[in-house]
Amino acid sequence: MDSSLFHTINGWARDTPWAHGFFRAYANDGIVLFALGLGIAFVIGMRDDAQIMARTVWTAAAAVIALGINQPFADLVNRARPFVGHPHALVLVDRSADPTFMSDHSLVVGAVAVGLMFAVRRLGLVMLGLAVLMAFTRVYVGAHYPGDVIAGFAFGGLVAAGGMPLADRFLTPMCERVRDVPRLEFLRR
């Protein structure tokens, strides 16, 4: 089914050359929007609430932790990219030699989107939509199978959500102290 769905999406990509530029750009550089989302949430936390700030810090850490866990796991699974098993697939990005399962992009954006749902719900909803678009885009450009992006998204989201109670308990008091630093008062306005 994974291969079949990949071919369906890849076929749609062949039929929509007008969309290639957008999907290629988003697949390669859209991750910047998630860093921007983290920055916005951090400033909101600095201004409004130490718990938001703590949850945002944890969200960024969760993305890095999930990525670090995935690297050896991906090497262990060692699933080849779709263009290796399907040489006639349309590929709109550079052909990466690293394994495809789990998608690093989807893992990171899944962690950020889910984490920001806990921190700043409205921003999290926007990030969730952008994360789903990123997951789809990684399949559209021929870099991943659908299962790769679904698994990455789910794993990143689980890591982010799973650590929220610890962030609330241990990071929030530290963030309260950071918010009280006089030199950072300009961020609270």
N, C-alpha and C. Protein backbone atom coordinates (compact mmCIF):
# COMPACT_ATOMS: atom_id res chain seq x y z
N MET A 1 0.81 -1.19 0.00
CA MET A 1 0.00 0.00 0.00
C MET A 1 0.86 1.27 0.00
N ASP A 2 1.97 1.25 0.74
CA ASP A 2 2.88 2.40 0.80
C ASP A 2 3.38 2.74 -0.60
N SER A 3 3.80 1.73 -1.32
CA SER A 3 4.32 1.92 -2.68
C SER A 3 3.21 2.39 -3.62
N SER A 4 2.03 1.85 -3.47
CA SER A 4 0.90 2.23 -4.31
C SER A 4 0.53 3.70 -4.10
N LEU A 5 0.47 4.11 -2.83
CA LEU A 5 0.14 5.50 -2.53
C LEU A 5 1.25 6.43 -3.01
N PHE A 6 2.50 5.99 -2.89
CA PHE A 6 3.61 6.78 -3.42
C PHE A 6 3.42 7.01 -4.92
N HIS A 7 3.08 5.95 -5.66
CA HIS A 7 2.90 6.07 -7.11
C HIS A 7 1.72 6.98 -7.45
N THR A 8 0.67 6.94 -6.65
CA THR A 8 -0.47 7.83 -6.88
C THR A 8 -0.05 9.29 -6.73
N ILE A 9 0.64 9.59 -5.65
CA ILE A 9 1.08 10.96 -5.41
C ILE A 9 2.13 11.38 -6.43
N ASN A 10 3.03 10.48 -6.76
CA ASN A 10 4.06 10.78 -7.74
C ASN A 10 3.43 11.01 -9.13
N GLY A 11 2.39 10.25 -9.44
CA GLY A 11 1.67 10.47 -10.69
C GLY A 11 1.00 11.83 -10.72
N TRP A 12 0.44 12.22 -9.58
CA TRP A 12 -0.16 13.54 -9.48
C TRP A 12 0.91 14.62 -9.67
N ALA A 13 2.09 14.38 -9.12
CA ALA A 13 3.20 15.33 -9.29
C ALA A 13 3.57 15.47 -10.77
N ARG A 14 3.57 14.37 -11.50
CA ARG A 14 3.85 14.43 -12.94
C ARG A 14 2.80 15.28 -13.69
N ASP A 15 1.56 15.21 -13.20
CA ASP A 15 0.46 15.91 -13.87
C ASP A 15 0.33 17.37 -13.46
N THR A 16 1.13 17.82 -12.51
CA THR A 16 1.02 19.20 -12.02
C THR A 16 2.38 19.92 -12.06
N PRO A 17 2.97 20.01 -13.23
CA PRO A 17 4.29 20.67 -13.29
C PRO A 17 4.25 22.13 -12.84
N TRP A 18 3.09 22.76 -12.92
CA TRP A 18 2.96 24.14 -12.47
C TRP A 18 3.20 24.29 -10.97
N ALA A 19 3.07 23.20 -10.20
CA ALA A 19 3.24 23.26 -8.75
C ALA A 19 4.65 22.84 -8.30
N HIS A 20 5.47 22.40 -9.23
CA HIS A 20 6.79 21.88 -8.86
C HIS A 20 7.64 22.89 -8.10
N GLY A 21 7.65 24.13 -8.55
CA GLY A 21 8.49 25.14 -7.90
C GLY A 21 8.12 25.33 -6.44
N PHE A 22 6.82 25.45 -6.17
CA PHE A 22 6.38 25.63 -4.78
C PHE A 22 6.75 24.42 -3.93
N PHE A 23 6.40 23.22 -4.40
CA PHE A 23 6.64 22.02 -3.60
C PHE A 23 8.14 21.76 -3.41
N ARG A 24 8.92 22.02 -4.43
CA ARG A 24 10.38 21.85 -4.29
C ARG A 24 10.93 22.81 -3.25
N ALA A 25 10.52 24.08 -3.34
CA ALA A 25 11.00 25.08 -2.39
C ALA A 25 10.55 24.75 -0.96
N TYR A 26 9.30 24.35 -0.80
CA TYR A 26 8.80 24.04 0.53
C TYR A 26 9.46 22.79 1.10
N ALA A 27 9.67 21.79 0.25
CA ALA A 27 10.32 20.55 0.70
C ALA A 27 11.75 20.82 1.17
N ASN A 28 12.43 21.73 0.52
CA ASN A 28 13.82 22.03 0.87
C ASN A 28 13.95 23.04 2.00
N ASP A 29 13.14 24.11 1.96
CA ASP A 29 13.36 25.25 2.86
C ASP A 29 12.20 25.57 3.80
N GLY A 30 11.09 24.85 3.70
CA GLY A 30 9.94 25.14 4.54
C GLY A 30 10.19 24.96 6.01
N ILE A 31 11.21 24.22 6.35
CA ILE A 31 11.55 23.97 7.75
C ILE A 31 11.84 25.29 8.49
N VAL A 32 12.24 26.30 7.75
CA VAL A 32 12.52 27.61 8.34
C VAL A 32 11.27 28.18 9.01
N LEU A 33 10.10 27.90 8.46
CA LEU A 33 8.86 28.39 9.05
C LEU A 33 8.65 27.82 10.46
N PHE A 34 9.15 26.62 10.68
CA PHE A 34 8.99 25.99 12.00
C PHE A 34 9.94 26.61 13.02
N ALA A 35 11.12 26.99 12.57
CA ALA A 35 12.03 27.73 13.45
C ALA A 35 11.42 29.09 13.79
N LEU A 36 10.81 29.72 12.81
CA LEU A 36 10.14 31.00 13.04
C LEU A 36 8.99 30.83 14.04
N GLY A 37 8.23 29.75 13.89
CA GLY A 37 7.14 29.47 14.82
C GLY A 37 7.65 29.30 16.25
N LEU A 38 8.78 28.60 16.39
CA LEU A 38 9.38 28.45 17.72
C LEU A 38 9.80 29.80 18.29
N GLY A 39 10.38 30.64 17.44
CA GLY A 39 10.79 31.97 17.88
C GLY A 39 9.62 32.82 18.34
N ILE A 40 8.53 32.78 17.58
CA ILE A 40 7.33 33.54 17.94
C ILE A 40 6.77 33.04 19.27
N ALA A 41 6.69 31.73 19.42
CA ALA A 41 6.16 31.17 20.67
C ALA A 41 7.05 31.54 21.86
N PHE A 42 8.35 31.54 21.65
CA PHE A 42 9.27 31.90 22.73
C PHE A 42 9.04 33.34 23.17
N VAL A 43 8.90 34.23 22.21
CA VAL A 43 8.66 35.65 22.55
C VAL A 43 7.31 35.81 23.25
N ILE A 44 6.29 35.08 22.80
CA ILE A 44 5.00 35.12 23.49
C ILE A 44 5.17 34.64 24.93
N GLY A 45 5.92 33.57 25.10
CA GLY A 45 6.18 33.06 26.44
C GLY A 45 6.95 34.04 27.30
N MET A 46 7.92 34.67 26.71
CA MET A 46 8.72 35.66 27.45
C MET A 46 7.84 36.82 27.89
N ARG A 47 6.93 37.20 27.02
CA ARG A 47 6.05 38.33 27.31
C ARG A 47 4.92 37.96 28.26
N ASP A 48 4.32 36.77 28.08
CA ASP A 48 3.06 36.46 28.76
C ASP A 48 3.14 35.41 29.87
N ASP A 49 3.93 34.36 29.67
CA ASP A 49 3.78 33.22 30.58
C ASP A 49 5.01 32.31 30.52
N ALA A 50 5.57 32.03 31.68
CA ALA A 50 6.75 31.16 31.75
C ALA A 50 6.45 29.74 31.29
N GLN A 51 5.22 29.28 31.48
CA GLN A 51 4.88 27.93 31.03
C GLN A 51 4.92 27.83 29.51
N ILE A 52 4.45 28.85 28.82
CA ILE A 52 4.53 28.87 27.35
C ILE A 52 5.99 28.83 26.93
N MET A 53 6.80 29.62 27.59
CA MET A 53 8.23 29.67 27.30
C MET A 53 8.86 28.30 27.52
N ALA A 54 8.54 27.66 28.64
CA ALA A 54 9.10 26.34 28.96
C ALA A 54 8.66 25.30 27.93
N ARG A 55 7.41 25.32 27.57
CA ARG A 55 6.91 24.37 26.58
C ARG A 55 7.54 24.59 25.21
N THR A 56 7.83 25.82 24.90
CA THR A 56 8.49 26.12 23.62
C THR A 56 9.93 25.63 23.64
N VAL A 57 10.62 25.86 24.74
CA VAL A 57 12.00 25.36 24.88
C VAL A 57 12.00 23.83 24.76
N TRP A 58 11.07 23.18 25.45
CA TRP A 58 10.98 21.73 25.36
C TRP A 58 10.69 21.28 23.93
N THR A 59 9.81 21.99 23.24
CA THR A 59 9.45 21.63 21.87
C THR A 59 10.69 21.62 20.98
N ALA A 60 11.51 22.64 21.09
CA ALA A 60 12.75 22.69 20.30
C ALA A 60 13.67 21.54 20.68
N ALA A 61 13.78 21.28 21.97
CA ALA A 61 14.64 20.17 22.43
C ALA A 61 14.08 18.84 21.96
N ALA A 62 12.76 18.68 21.99
CA ALA A 62 12.13 17.43 21.56
C ALA A 62 12.41 17.14 20.09
N ALA A 63 12.40 18.18 19.27
CA ALA A 63 12.70 17.99 17.85
C ALA A 63 14.13 17.48 17.67
N VAL A 64 15.05 18.06 18.42
CA VAL A 64 16.46 17.63 18.32
C VAL A 64 16.63 16.22 18.88
N ILE A 65 15.99 15.93 20.00
CA ILE A 65 16.09 14.59 20.60
C ILE A 65 15.51 13.53 19.67
N ALA A 66 14.33 13.81 19.12
CA ALA A 66 13.70 12.85 18.19
C ALA A 66 14.59 12.63 16.97
N LEU A 67 15.19 13.69 16.47
CA LEU A 67 16.10 13.58 15.33
C LEU A 67 17.31 12.74 15.70
N GLY A 68 17.86 12.95 16.89
CA GLY A 68 19.01 12.16 17.34
C GLY A 68 18.67 10.68 17.51
N ILE A 69 17.49 10.39 17.99
CA ILE A 69 17.06 8.99 18.12
C ILE A 69 16.86 8.37 16.74
N ASN A 70 16.34 9.15 15.82
CA ASN A 70 16.03 8.62 14.49
C ASN A 70 17.27 8.27 13.68
N GLN A 71 18.36 8.96 13.86
CA GLN A 71 19.54 8.72 13.03
C GLN A 71 20.02 7.27 13.10
N PRO A 72 20.30 6.73 14.28
CA PRO A 72 20.72 5.32 14.31
C PRO A 72 19.58 4.37 13.94
N PHE A 73 18.35 4.75 14.27
CA PHE A 73 17.20 3.91 13.92
C PHE A 73 17.06 3.81 12.41
N ALA A 74 17.19 4.92 11.72
CA ALA A 74 17.10 4.92 10.25
C ALA A 74 18.19 4.06 9.64
N ASP A 75 19.39 4.14 10.20
CA ASP A 75 20.48 3.31 9.70
C ASP A 75 20.20 1.83 9.94
N LEU A 76 19.57 1.52 11.07
CA LEU A 76 19.23 0.13 11.39
C LEU A 76 18.17 -0.41 10.43
N VAL A 77 17.12 0.37 10.19
CA VAL A 77 16.06 -0.05 9.27
C VAL A 77 16.59 -0.07 7.83
N ASN A 78 17.36 0.96 7.48
CA ASN A 78 18.05 1.06 6.19
C ASN A 78 17.11 0.88 4.99
N ARG A 79 15.99 1.57 5.01
CA ARG A 79 15.06 1.53 3.89
C ARG A 79 15.52 2.48 2.81
N ALA A 80 15.59 1.99 1.60
CA ALA A 80 16.06 2.80 0.47
C ALA A 80 15.01 3.84 0.08
N ARG A 81 15.49 4.94 -0.44
CA ARG A 81 14.60 6.00 -0.94
C ARG A 81 13.73 5.46 -2.07
N PRO A 82 12.57 6.07 -2.30
CA PRO A 82 11.67 5.57 -3.34
C PRO A 82 12.30 5.54 -4.74
N PHE A 83 13.15 6.50 -5.04
CA PHE A 83 13.72 6.55 -6.38
C PHE A 83 14.72 5.42 -6.63
N VAL A 84 15.16 4.74 -5.56
CA VAL A 84 16.05 3.58 -5.74
C VAL A 84 15.24 2.38 -6.22
N GLY A 85 14.12 2.14 -5.55
CA GLY A 85 13.27 1.00 -5.93
C GLY A 85 12.37 1.28 -7.11
N HIS A 86 12.17 2.55 -7.40
CA HIS A 86 11.30 2.96 -8.52
C HIS A 86 12.08 3.97 -9.37
N PRO A 87 12.99 3.46 -10.22
CA PRO A 87 13.89 4.35 -10.95
C PRO A 87 13.20 5.33 -11.89
N HIS A 88 11.94 5.09 -12.22
CA HIS A 88 11.23 6.00 -13.13
C HIS A 88 10.39 7.02 -12.37
N ALA A 89 10.51 7.04 -11.06
CA ALA A 89 9.77 8.00 -10.25
C ALA A 89 10.28 9.42 -10.53
N LEU A 90 9.35 10.36 -10.48
CA LEU A 90 9.71 11.76 -10.63
C LEU A 90 10.33 12.23 -9.31
N VAL A 91 11.53 12.78 -9.39
CA VAL A 91 12.22 13.27 -8.20
C VAL A 91 12.55 14.74 -8.43
N LEU A 92 12.04 15.60 -7.57
CA LEU A 92 12.19 17.05 -7.75
C LEU A 92 13.24 17.67 -6.84
N VAL A 93 13.88 16.87 -6.00
CA VAL A 93 14.91 17.36 -5.09
C VAL A 93 16.18 16.53 -5.29
N ASP A 94 17.26 16.96 -4.65
CA ASP A 94 18.50 16.18 -4.74
C ASP A 94 18.27 14.78 -4.21
N ARG A 95 18.91 13.82 -4.83
CA ARG A 95 18.76 12.41 -4.45
C ARG A 95 19.69 12.11 -3.28
N SER A 96 19.10 12.11 -2.11
CA SER A 96 19.86 11.86 -0.88
C SER A 96 20.19 10.38 -0.77
N ALA A 97 21.37 10.08 -0.25
CA ALA A 97 21.81 8.69 -0.10
C ALA A 97 21.42 8.09 1.25
N ASP A 98 20.96 8.94 2.18
CA ASP A 98 20.62 8.41 3.51
C ASP A 98 19.30 7.64 3.47
N PRO A 99 19.06 6.79 4.45
CA PRO A 99 17.83 5.99 4.46
C PRO A 99 16.58 6.87 4.58
N THR A 100 15.46 6.34 4.14
CA THR A 100 14.23 7.12 4.07
C THR A 100 13.33 7.01 5.29
N PHE A 101 13.46 5.94 6.09
CA PHE A 101 12.55 5.73 7.21
C PHE A 101 13.25 6.07 8.52
N MET A 102 12.76 6.90 9.29
CA MET A 102 11.64 7.83 9.24
C MET A 102 12.14 9.14 8.63
N SER A 103 11.22 9.87 8.06
CA SER A 103 11.55 11.15 7.45
C SER A 103 12.00 12.15 8.51
N ASP A 104 13.22 12.65 8.37
CA ASP A 104 13.73 13.66 9.32
C ASP A 104 12.88 14.93 9.28
N HIS A 105 12.53 15.38 8.08
CA HIS A 105 11.73 16.59 7.96
C HIS A 105 10.40 16.43 8.70
N SER A 106 9.71 15.33 8.43
CA SER A 106 8.40 15.11 9.06
C SER A 106 8.52 14.93 10.56
N LEU A 107 9.59 14.32 10.99
CA LEU A 107 9.83 14.12 12.41
C LEU A 107 9.98 15.46 13.13
N VAL A 108 10.79 16.33 12.58
CA VAL A 108 11.03 17.64 13.19
C VAL A 108 9.76 18.49 13.17
N VAL A 109 9.09 18.56 12.01
CA VAL A 109 7.90 19.41 11.94
C VAL A 109 6.76 18.82 12.78
N GLY A 110 6.70 17.51 12.90
CA GLY A 110 5.70 16.88 13.77
C GLY A 110 5.94 17.25 15.22
N ALA A 111 7.20 17.21 15.65
CA ALA A 111 7.53 17.59 17.03
C ALA A 111 7.19 19.05 17.28
N VAL A 112 7.55 19.92 16.35
CA VAL A 112 7.29 21.35 16.54
C VAL A 112 5.79 21.64 16.53
N ALA A 113 5.07 21.06 15.59
CA ALA A 113 3.62 21.33 15.51
C ALA A 113 2.90 20.84 16.76
N VAL A 114 3.17 19.63 17.18
CA VAL A 114 2.50 19.09 18.37
C VAL A 114 2.93 19.85 19.62
N GLY A 115 4.21 20.13 19.75
CA GLY A 115 4.68 20.88 20.90
C GLY A 115 4.06 22.26 21.00
N LEU A 116 3.94 22.94 19.86
CA LEU A 116 3.35 24.27 19.89
C LEU A 116 1.85 24.24 20.12
N MET A 117 1.21 23.10 19.86
CA MET A 117 -0.20 22.95 20.23
C MET A 117 -0.36 23.06 21.76
N PHE A 118 0.63 22.58 22.48
CA PHE A 118 0.61 22.68 23.94
C PHE A 118 1.01 24.08 24.42
N ALA A 119 1.85 24.74 23.67
CA ALA A 119 2.40 26.03 24.11
C ALA A 119 1.46 27.19 23.73
N VAL A 120 1.18 27.35 22.46
CA VAL A 120 0.34 28.44 21.95
C VAL A 120 -0.59 27.80 20.93
N ARG A 121 -1.77 27.47 21.37
CA ARG A 121 -2.68 26.64 20.56
C ARG A 121 -2.92 27.18 19.15
N ARG A 122 -3.20 28.45 19.00
CA ARG A 122 -3.46 29.00 17.66
C ARG A 122 -2.25 28.86 16.75
N LEU A 123 -1.10 29.19 17.27
CA LEU A 123 0.12 29.03 16.50
C LEU A 123 0.36 27.56 16.20
N GLY A 124 0.09 26.70 17.16
CA GLY A 124 0.22 25.27 16.96
C GLY A 124 -0.67 24.75 15.85
N LEU A 125 -1.88 25.27 15.76
CA LEU A 125 -2.79 24.86 14.68
C LEU A 125 -2.25 25.25 13.31
N VAL A 126 -1.69 26.45 13.23
CA VAL A 126 -1.06 26.88 11.96
C VAL A 126 0.11 25.95 11.63
N MET A 127 0.95 25.68 12.62
CA MET A 127 2.10 24.80 12.41
C MET A 127 1.66 23.39 12.06
N LEU A 128 0.56 22.93 12.64
CA LEU A 128 0.04 21.61 12.32
C LEU A 128 -0.34 21.53 10.84
N GLY A 129 -1.02 22.54 10.34
CA GLY A 129 -1.35 22.57 8.92
C GLY A 129 -0.11 22.59 8.04
N LEU A 130 0.87 23.41 8.43
CA LEU A 130 2.13 23.48 7.67
C LEU A 130 2.90 22.17 7.75
N ALA A 131 2.79 21.47 8.89
CA ALA A 131 3.49 20.19 9.05
C ALA A 131 2.87 19.12 8.16
N VAL A 132 1.55 19.09 8.08
CA VAL A 132 0.88 18.13 7.20
C VAL A 132 1.28 18.42 5.75
N LEU A 133 1.33 19.71 5.40
CA LEU A 133 1.78 20.08 4.06
C LEU A 133 3.21 19.63 3.81
N MET A 134 4.09 19.78 4.80
CA MET A 134 5.48 19.33 4.65
C MET A 134 5.55 17.84 4.42
N ALA A 135 4.78 17.08 5.19
CA ALA A 135 4.78 15.62 5.05
C ALA A 135 4.34 15.24 3.63
N PHE A 136 3.27 15.85 3.16
CA PHE A 136 2.80 15.57 1.80
C PHE A 136 3.85 15.97 0.77
N THR A 137 4.45 17.13 0.99
CA THR A 137 5.44 17.66 0.04
C THR A 137 6.63 16.72 -0.11
N ARG A 138 7.07 16.12 1.00
CA ARG A 138 8.23 15.21 0.93
C ARG A 138 7.92 13.98 0.08
N VAL A 139 6.66 13.58 0.02
CA VAL A 139 6.26 12.47 -0.86
C VAL A 139 6.11 13.00 -2.29
N TYR A 140 5.48 14.14 -2.45
CA TYR A 140 5.26 14.75 -3.76
C TYR A 140 6.57 14.91 -4.54
N VAL A 141 7.63 15.34 -3.86
CA VAL A 141 8.90 15.58 -4.55
C VAL A 141 9.70 14.30 -4.77
N GLY A 142 9.19 13.17 -4.29
CA GLY A 142 9.84 11.87 -4.53
C GLY A 142 10.91 11.49 -3.53
N ALA A 143 10.96 12.18 -2.39
CA ALA A 143 12.01 11.91 -1.41
C ALA A 143 11.65 10.80 -0.42
N HIS A 144 10.34 10.57 -0.20
CA HIS A 144 9.91 9.61 0.82
C HIS A 144 8.66 8.86 0.38
N TYR A 145 8.46 7.72 1.01
CA TYR A 145 7.19 7.00 0.93
C TYR A 145 6.23 7.62 1.94
N PRO A 146 4.92 7.48 1.74
CA PRO A 146 3.97 8.00 2.73
C PRO A 146 4.19 7.45 4.14
N GLY A 147 4.53 6.19 4.28
CA GLY A 147 4.77 5.61 5.60
C GLY A 147 5.94 6.26 6.32
N ASP A 148 6.93 6.72 5.57
CA ASP A 148 8.09 7.39 6.15
C ASP A 148 7.70 8.69 6.83
N VAL A 149 6.84 9.46 6.14
CA VAL A 149 6.45 10.76 6.69
C VAL A 149 5.42 10.61 7.81
N ILE A 150 4.54 9.64 7.70
CA ILE A 150 3.55 9.41 8.76
C ILE A 150 4.25 8.96 10.04
N ALA A 151 5.18 8.02 9.90
CA ALA A 151 5.92 7.54 11.07
C ALA A 151 6.77 8.65 11.69
N GLY A 152 7.43 9.44 10.87
CA GLY A 152 8.24 10.54 11.37
C GLY A 152 7.40 11.57 12.11
N PHE A 153 6.28 11.94 11.50
CA PHE A 153 5.38 12.90 12.11
C PHE A 153 4.89 12.39 13.46
N ALA A 154 4.46 11.14 13.49
CA ALA A 154 3.92 10.56 14.73
C ALA A 154 5.00 10.46 15.80
N PHE A 155 6.19 10.02 15.44
CA PHE A 155 7.25 9.87 16.43
C PHE A 155 7.67 11.23 17.00
N GLY A 156 7.87 12.20 16.12
CA GLY A 156 8.22 13.54 16.60
C GLY A 156 7.15 14.11 17.51
N GLY A 157 5.90 13.93 17.13
CA GLY A 157 4.79 14.41 17.96
C GLY A 157 4.72 13.73 19.30
N LEU A 158 4.98 12.42 19.33
CA LEU A 158 4.97 11.67 20.59
C LEU A 158 6.08 12.13 21.53
N VAL A 159 7.25 12.37 20.99
CA VAL A 159 8.36 12.84 21.83
C VAL A 159 8.01 14.20 22.42
N ALA A 160 7.47 15.10 21.59
CA ALA A 160 7.11 16.43 22.08
C ALA A 160 6.02 16.36 23.15
N ALA A 161 4.96 15.62 22.86
CA ALA A 161 3.85 15.52 23.81
C ALA A 161 4.26 14.79 25.08
N GLY A 162 5.05 13.75 24.94
CA GLY A 162 5.46 12.95 26.08
C GLY A 162 6.29 13.69 27.10
N GLY A 163 7.03 14.70 26.66
CA GLY A 163 7.88 15.45 27.58
C GLY A 163 7.23 16.67 28.19
N MET A 164 6.00 17.00 27.80
CA MET A 164 5.36 18.21 28.32
C MET A 164 5.21 18.23 29.84
N PRO A 165 4.82 17.12 30.48
CA PRO A 165 4.74 17.18 31.95
C PRO A 165 6.08 17.50 32.61
N LEU A 166 7.17 16.98 32.05
CA LEU A 166 8.49 17.29 32.59
C LEU A 166 8.86 18.75 32.34
N ALA A 167 8.48 19.26 31.17
CA ALA A 167 8.75 20.67 30.87
C ALA A 167 8.00 21.56 31.86
N ASP A 168 6.74 21.22 32.10
CA ASP A 168 5.95 22.02 33.05
C ASP A 168 6.57 21.99 34.44
N ARG A 169 7.02 20.84 34.85
CA ARG A 169 7.54 20.70 36.21
C ARG A 169 8.93 21.30 36.40
N PHE A 170 9.83 21.05 35.44
CA PHE A 170 11.23 21.44 35.64
C PHE A 170 11.65 22.69 34.87
N LEU A 171 11.13 22.89 33.68
CA LEU A 171 11.55 24.05 32.89
C LEU A 171 10.80 25.32 33.25
N THR A 172 9.54 25.18 33.64
CA THR A 172 8.76 26.39 33.95
C THR A 172 9.40 27.22 35.07
N PRO A 173 9.83 26.62 36.18
CA PRO A 173 10.48 27.45 37.21
C PRO A 173 11.75 28.15 36.70
N MET A 174 12.51 27.47 35.86
CA MET A 174 13.72 28.09 35.31
C MET A 174 13.33 29.25 34.39
N CYS A 175 12.28 29.06 33.60
CA CYS A 175 11.84 30.12 32.69
C CYS A 175 11.27 31.31 33.46
N GLU A 176 10.65 31.05 34.60
CA GLU A 176 10.19 32.17 35.44
C GLU A 176 11.36 33.04 35.88
N ARG A 177 12.45 32.39 36.23
CA ARG A 177 13.65 33.15 36.63
C ARG A 177 14.23 33.92 35.45
N VAL A 178 14.24 33.32 34.27
CA VAL A 178 14.76 34.00 33.09
C VAL A 178 13.89 35.21 32.76
N ARG A 179 12.59 35.06 32.88
CA ARG A 179 11.68 36.18 32.59
C ARG A 179 11.91 37.35 33.55
N ASP A 180 12.45 37.08 34.73
CA ASP A 180 12.67 38.14 35.73
C ASP A 180 14.02 38.83 35.56
N VAL A 181 14.83 38.42 34.62
CA VAL A 181 16.13 39.06 34.41
C VAL A 181 15.90 40.48 33.88
N PRO A 182 16.40 41.49 34.60
CA PRO A 182 16.14 42.88 34.20
C PRO A 182 16.57 43.22 32.77
N ARG A 183 17.67 42.66 32.32
CA ARG A 183 18.16 42.98 30.98
C ARG A 183 17.24 42.47 29.87
N LEU A 184 16.36 41.53 30.21
CA LEU A 184 15.44 40.97 29.21
C LEU A 184 14.05 41.60 29.30
N GLU A 185 13.94 42.66 30.07
CA GLU A 185 12.64 43.31 30.26
C GLU A 185 12.03 43.81 28.95
N PHE A 186 12.88 44.20 28.00
CA PHE A 186 12.38 44.70 26.72
C PHE A 186 11.55 43.64 25.97
N LEU A 187 11.77 42.36 26.25
CA LEU A 187 10.99 41.30 25.60
C LEU A 187 9.61 41.12 26.24
N ARG A 188 9.41 41.69 27.41
CA ARG A 188 8.13 41.53 28.11
C ARG A 188 7.15 42.65 27.78
N ARG A 189 7.51 43.55 26.93
CA ARG A 189 6.62 44.69 26.60
C ARG A 189 5.65 44.34 25.54
